[in-house]
Amino acid sequence: MKHFLTLLDIPKNDLQAIVKRASELKKNPDLVTAAPRKTLGLIFEKSSTRTRVAFETAINQMDGGAIFLTTGDSQLGRGEPIEDAARVLSRMVDVVAIRTFEHSKLEKFAEYSSVPVINALSDDYHPCQLLADLQTYNEHRGDISGKRVAWIGDGNNMCHSYINAARMFDFELAIACPPGFEPNADLVAANADRVQLGEDPRSAAAKADLVVTDVWASMGQEAEQADRVHSFADYQVNAELMALAQSDALFMHCLPAHRGEEVSAEVLDAPDSVVWDEAENRMHSQKALLEYLLNQ
């Protein structure tokens, strides 16, 4: 049983094939392997726009269907053990995507599920977003292998998934985080041959082929917003920072963005910003992922 909790859960060649397949399906949606009478279960503890719409649209275009549950809609919200919920739901649906806080919940659900489980975002990783990001880069600039990517900002779930992506897609990753907001030290150490960690956003952005950032306070960190704005004040991606990157460097953000905080409006709306393609590609890449998992 293949699950997709992190990018490392799928063999490297298969993962790269999913990204290529996403672009094929974008050009010709009729190529998708249909999933008639297949049902995707969506269990979301966190709010969502792109992830939910992308998954529901993808399975609908595959001739399948989706059932959406929040914790308030299910017994999980009333304390049903995760392993019991996994046993029951996986007997009724064909694949499950979960958007939650603790990554350990996903791991527990997957352990007891008889169908594939997808990480639709956890506090530790956001692998579905990386599929879309890599698809987007490939469509605009070709193979990302050997390129330099700059991550500017919080060492969060997106940063962790970029570390895994550097390993699986063979690119260099330069991370710049303020002190106290670094990514998981063990993950950085395990990928030291491809990952550089520092505090200077200018050094990270220098000669980068792709510059990526995310909000300074993620879901669940709203109470820290004011303190984080102070800590991240020097980490805005703006025109001055982008000028240090390669002349054809792209800018990405998983959205929603806070214009004037982690990214200037000028950069977000610039021609080398591909955030809207990146957002659309969530649907195409998740369709390719569903096709892969449902045809194991």
Protein backbone atom coordinates (compact mmCIF):
# COMPACT_ATOMS: atom_id res chain seq x y z
CA MET A 1 0.00 0.00 0.00
CA LYS A 2 1.49 3.31 -1.10
CA HIS A 3 0.68 6.40 0.93
CA PHE A 4 1.79 9.98 0.23
CA LEU A 5 2.64 11.55 3.57
CA THR A 6 5.91 13.06 2.37
CA LEU A 7 7.69 13.21 -0.98
CA LEU A 8 9.91 10.37 0.20
CA ASP A 9 7.01 7.90 0.25
CA ILE A 10 7.00 7.47 -3.53
CA PRO A 11 10.05 6.21 -5.47
CA LYS A 12 12.05 8.98 -7.12
CA ASN A 13 11.32 7.88 -10.68
CA ASP A 14 7.60 7.54 -9.96
CA LEU A 15 7.52 10.96 -8.29
CA GLN A 16 9.16 12.61 -11.28
CA ALA A 17 6.73 10.76 -13.56
CA ILE A 18 3.76 12.14 -11.59
CA VAL A 19 5.02 15.70 -12.16
CA LYS A 20 5.40 15.07 -15.90
CA ARG A 21 2.02 13.37 -16.03
CA ALA A 22 0.41 16.43 -14.42
CA SER A 23 1.55 18.59 -17.33
CA GLU A 24 0.29 16.00 -19.82
CA LEU A 25 -3.12 15.99 -18.17
CA LYS A 26 -3.14 19.78 -18.12
CA LYS A 27 -2.67 19.84 -21.90
CA ASN A 28 -5.11 17.01 -22.55
CA PRO A 29 -7.50 16.20 -19.68
CA ASP A 30 -9.01 13.34 -21.71
CA LEU A 31 -5.84 11.31 -21.16
CA VAL A 32 -6.63 10.74 -17.48
CA THR A 33 -7.42 7.22 -16.39
CA ALA A 34 -11.01 7.41 -15.23
CA ALA A 35 -11.96 6.45 -11.70
CA PRO A 36 -15.67 5.60 -12.08
CA ARG A 37 -17.38 4.80 -8.81
CA LYS A 38 -14.17 5.71 -6.95
CA THR A 39 -14.58 7.94 -3.92
CA LEU A 40 -12.09 10.33 -2.37
CA GLY A 41 -12.57 11.03 1.32
CA LEU A 42 -11.42 14.49 2.43
CA ILE A 43 -10.88 14.98 6.16
CA PHE A 44 -9.90 18.56 6.96
CA GLU A 45 -9.08 19.96 10.40
CA LYS A 46 -7.63 23.08 8.78
CA SER A 47 -9.39 25.49 6.45
CA SER A 48 -8.58 25.35 2.75
CA THR A 49 -9.30 26.88 -0.63
CA ARG A 50 -6.82 25.56 -3.20
CA THR A 51 -6.32 22.11 -1.68
CA ARG A 52 -9.99 21.27 -1.33
CA VAL A 53 -11.08 22.68 -4.68
CA ALA A 54 -8.13 21.03 -6.44
CA PHE A 55 -8.89 17.59 -5.00
CA GLU A 56 -12.64 17.77 -5.59
CA THR A 57 -12.24 19.05 -9.14
CA ALA A 58 -9.60 16.44 -9.91
CA ILE A 59 -11.65 13.44 -8.75
CA ASN A 60 -14.77 14.82 -10.46
CA GLN A 61 -12.88 15.10 -13.75
CA MET A 62 -11.83 11.47 -13.28
CA ASP A 63 -15.52 10.47 -13.09
CA GLY A 64 -15.25 9.78 -9.38
CA GLY A 65 -16.66 11.62 -6.40
CA ALA A 66 -15.57 13.23 -3.14
CA ILE A 67 -16.93 13.34 0.40
CA PHE A 68 -15.77 16.28 2.52
CA LEU A 69 -15.63 16.06 6.32
CA THR A 70 -14.39 18.47 8.94
CA THR A 71 -13.74 17.31 12.48
CA GLY A 72 -17.04 18.95 13.42
CA ASP A 73 -18.83 16.75 10.88
CA SER A 74 -17.41 13.46 12.09
CA GLN A 75 -16.84 11.36 15.18
CA LEU A 76 -13.15 12.28 15.01
CA GLY A 77 -14.20 15.63 16.43
CA ARG A 78 -15.77 13.84 19.39
CA GLY A 79 -12.72 11.80 20.25
CA GLU A 80 -13.05 8.64 18.17
CA PRO A 81 -9.61 6.98 18.05
CA ILE A 82 -7.80 7.66 14.79
CA GLU A 83 -7.14 3.98 14.23
CA ASP A 84 -10.87 3.18 14.50
CA ALA A 85 -11.82 5.96 12.09
CA ALA A 86 -9.17 4.76 9.64
CA ARG A 87 -10.44 1.19 9.75
CA VAL A 88 -14.04 2.27 9.10
CA LEU A 89 -13.55 5.02 6.50
CA SER A 90 -11.08 3.03 4.43
CA ARG A 91 -13.73 0.34 3.99
CA MET A 92 -16.06 2.91 2.42
CA VAL A 93 -13.80 5.09 0.25
CA ASP A 94 -10.96 4.38 -2.16
CA VAL A 95 -8.44 7.05 -1.11
CA VAL A 96 -8.26 9.54 1.76
CA ALA A 97 -6.70 13.01 1.86
CA ILE A 98 -6.20 14.52 5.30
CA ARG A 99 -5.40 18.13 6.21
CA THR A 100 -4.43 18.32 9.86
CA PHE A 101 -2.08 19.74 12.45
CA GLU A 102 0.07 16.96 13.93
CA HIS A 103 1.87 14.87 11.33
CA SER A 104 1.65 11.92 13.73
CA LYS A 105 -2.13 11.82 13.14
CA LEU A 106 -1.53 11.17 9.45
CA GLU A 107 0.97 8.44 10.23
CA LYS A 108 -1.45 6.78 12.65
CA PHE A 109 -4.33 6.95 10.15
CA ALA A 110 -2.15 5.52 7.38
CA GLU A 111 -1.01 2.68 9.63
CA TYR A 112 -4.59 1.45 10.02
CA SER A 113 -5.98 2.42 6.60
CA SER A 114 -6.61 -0.18 3.92
CA VAL A 115 -6.55 2.50 1.16
CA PRO A 116 -3.94 5.13 0.20
CA VAL A 117 -3.67 8.16 2.48
CA ILE A 118 -2.53 11.56 1.17
CA ASN A 119 -1.08 14.37 3.24
CA ALA A 120 -3.14 17.39 2.20
CA LEU A 121 -1.05 19.44 4.68
CA SER A 122 0.28 18.86 8.16
CA ASP A 123 2.37 21.01 10.47
CA ASP A 124 5.49 19.18 9.26
CA TYR A 125 5.03 18.70 5.51
CA HIS A 126 3.03 19.88 2.49
CA PRO A 127 4.05 17.48 -0.30
CA CYS A 128 1.07 18.13 -2.61
CA GLN A 129 2.14 21.75 -2.96
CA LEU A 130 5.61 20.66 -4.02
CA LEU A 131 4.20 18.57 -6.84
CA ALA A 132 2.53 21.71 -8.20
CA ASP A 133 5.63 23.85 -7.65
CA LEU A 134 7.89 21.42 -9.51
CA GLN A 135 5.37 21.08 -12.32
CA THR A 136 5.21 24.87 -12.61
CA TYR A 137 8.98 25.29 -12.70
CA ASN A 138 9.30 22.60 -15.34
CA GLU A 139 6.64 24.22 -17.52
CA HIS A 140 8.37 27.61 -17.42
CA ARG A 141 12.08 26.77 -17.21
CA GLY A 142 12.56 23.05 -17.82
CA ASP A 143 14.24 20.51 -15.56
CA ILE A 144 14.96 21.82 -12.06
CA SER A 145 17.81 19.34 -11.57
CA GLY A 146 21.05 21.19 -10.86
CA LYS A 147 19.30 24.52 -10.29
CA ARG A 148 19.53 26.73 -7.20
CA VAL A 149 16.38 27.36 -5.15
CA ALA A 150 16.18 29.95 -2.37
CA TRP A 151 13.75 29.49 0.50
CA ILE A 152 13.22 32.76 2.38
CA GLY A 153 11.38 32.83 5.71
CA ASP A 154 10.00 30.33 8.19
CA GLY A 155 11.47 26.83 8.42
CA ASN A 156 7.96 25.41 8.27
CA ASN A 157 6.13 22.54 6.56
CA MET A 158 6.76 24.03 3.13
CA CYS A 159 10.45 24.43 3.88
CA HIS A 160 10.63 20.80 5.03
CA SER A 161 8.99 19.63 1.82
CA TYR A 162 11.43 21.73 -0.22
CA ILE A 163 14.27 19.94 1.58
CA ASN A 164 12.78 16.60 0.55
CA ALA A 165 12.25 17.91 -2.99
CA ALA A 166 15.92 18.90 -3.25
CA ARG A 167 16.79 15.28 -2.54
CA MET A 168 14.20 13.75 -4.87
CA PHE A 169 14.67 16.20 -7.77
CA ASP A 170 18.38 16.88 -7.36
CA PHE A 171 18.60 20.65 -6.89
CA GLU A 172 20.48 22.92 -4.49
CA LEU A 173 18.42 24.55 -1.74
CA ALA A 174 19.59 27.68 0.11
CA ILE A 175 17.47 28.43 3.18
CA ALA A 176 17.43 31.76 5.02
CA CYS A 177 15.54 31.88 8.33
CA PRO A 178 15.68 34.23 11.30
CA PRO A 179 17.21 32.72 14.45
CA GLY A 180 14.77 30.45 16.23
CA PHE A 181 12.72 29.65 13.12
CA GLU A 182 15.00 27.10 11.47
CA PRO A 183 13.68 23.88 9.88
CA ASN A 184 14.11 20.49 11.55
CA ALA A 185 17.81 20.09 12.27
CA ASP A 186 17.85 16.34 11.58
CA LEU A 187 16.21 16.85 8.20
CA VAL A 188 18.76 19.53 7.28
CA ALA A 189 21.66 17.32 8.42
CA ALA A 190 20.37 14.34 6.44
CA ASN A 191 20.43 16.47 3.28
CA ALA A 192 23.57 18.49 3.95
CA ASP A 193 24.93 17.67 0.50
CA ARG A 194 22.13 19.73 -1.10
CA VAL A 195 20.87 22.08 1.62
CA GLN A 196 22.53 25.23 2.96
CA LEU A 197 21.03 26.90 6.04
CA GLY A 198 21.77 30.49 7.04
CA GLU A 199 20.25 33.72 8.33
CA ASP A 200 21.00 36.06 5.42
CA PRO A 201 18.22 36.23 2.79
CA ARG A 202 20.52 38.07 0.40
CA SER A 203 23.06 35.26 0.40
CA ALA A 204 20.32 32.69 -0.13
CA ALA A 205 18.79 34.60 -3.03
CA ALA A 206 22.11 35.24 -4.79
CA LYS A 207 22.13 33.56 -8.22
CA ALA A 208 18.95 31.61 -7.40
CA ASP A 209 16.87 30.21 -10.26
CA LEU A 210 13.77 30.11 -8.08
CA VAL A 211 12.85 32.16 -5.00
CA VAL A 212 10.12 30.85 -2.72
CA THR A 213 8.50 32.12 0.45
CA ASP A 214 5.42 31.58 2.62
CA VAL A 215 3.41 33.50 5.19
CA TRP A 216 5.21 34.40 8.40
CA ALA A 217 2.47 32.96 10.63
CA SER A 218 0.85 29.76 9.43
CA MET A 219 -2.53 28.37 10.46
CA GLY A 220 -2.53 27.78 14.20
CA GLN A 221 0.09 30.49 14.79
CA GLU A 222 -2.21 33.50 14.59
CA ALA A 223 -1.47 34.47 18.19
CA GLU A 224 2.21 34.82 17.24
CA GLN A 225 1.53 37.16 14.30
CA ALA A 226 2.79 40.38 15.91
CA ASP A 227 5.97 38.80 17.24
CA ARG A 228 6.64 37.07 13.94
CA VAL A 229 6.23 40.28 11.95
CA HIS A 230 9.03 41.75 14.07
CA SER A 231 11.26 38.66 13.73
CA PHE A 232 10.77 38.37 9.95
CA ALA A 233 10.94 42.07 9.09
CA ASP A 234 14.18 41.64 7.12
CA TYR A 235 12.92 38.58 5.23
CA GLN A 236 10.49 40.14 2.78
CA VAL A 237 10.91 39.03 -0.83
CA ASN A 238 10.94 42.33 -2.72
CA ALA A 239 12.39 43.70 -5.93
CA GLU A 240 15.75 44.36 -4.29
CA LEU A 241 16.04 40.73 -3.19
CA MET A 242 14.87 39.34 -6.53
CA ALA A 243 17.51 41.47 -8.27
CA LEU A 244 20.16 39.28 -6.61
CA ALA A 245 18.76 36.14 -8.22
CA GLN A 246 19.32 35.03 -11.80
CA SER A 247 17.87 37.39 -14.39
CA ASP A 248 15.29 34.76 -15.36
CA ALA A 249 14.53 33.62 -11.81
CA LEU A 250 10.94 32.73 -10.96
CA PHE A 251 9.04 33.60 -7.79
CA MET A 252 6.64 31.20 -6.08
CA HIS A 253 4.32 31.32 -3.07
CA CYS A 254 1.83 28.62 -2.07
CA LEU A 255 -0.81 31.29 -1.26
CA PRO A 256 -2.68 32.94 0.29
CA ALA A 257 -0.10 35.73 0.39
CA HIS A 258 0.05 38.74 2.69
CA ARG A 259 1.09 41.51 0.33
CA GLY A 260 3.50 43.86 2.03
CA GLU A 261 4.63 41.26 4.57
CA GLU A 262 6.52 38.19 3.30
CA VAL A 263 6.31 39.44 -0.30
CA SER A 264 5.87 42.87 -1.82
CA ALA A 265 2.91 43.46 -4.12
CA GLU A 266 5.40 44.41 -6.82
CA VAL A 267 7.02 40.97 -6.77
CA LEU A 268 3.76 39.04 -6.42
CA ASP A 269 2.34 40.70 -9.53
CA ALA A 270 5.56 40.77 -11.55
CA PRO A 271 5.96 38.85 -14.84
CA ASP A 272 8.43 36.43 -13.22
CA SER A 273 5.88 35.55 -10.52
CA VAL A 274 4.18 32.27 -11.43
CA VAL A 275 1.93 31.98 -8.39
CA TRP A 276 -1.29 31.77 -10.43
CA ASP A 277 0.02 28.93 -12.59
CA GLU A 278 1.32 27.34 -9.40
CA ALA A 279 -2.14 27.54 -7.84
CA GLU A 280 -3.88 26.08 -10.91
CA ASN A 281 -1.36 23.27 -11.06
CA ARG A 282 -2.49 22.03 -7.66
CA MET A 283 -5.47 20.50 -9.47
CA HIS A 284 -3.46 18.97 -12.29
CA SER A 285 -0.74 17.55 -10.04
CA GLN A 286 -3.25 16.15 -7.55
CA LYS A 287 -5.14 14.54 -10.43
CA ALA A 288 -1.92 12.85 -11.53
CA LEU A 289 -1.28 11.76 -7.93
CA LEU A 290 -4.78 10.31 -7.58
CA GLU A 291 -4.39 8.49 -10.88
CA TYR A 292 -1.12 6.98 -9.64
CA LEU A 293 -2.45 5.91 -6.25
CA LEU A 294 -5.76 4.53 -7.55
CA ASN A 295 -3.97 2.41 -10.15
CA GLN A 296 -1.51 0.71 -7.84
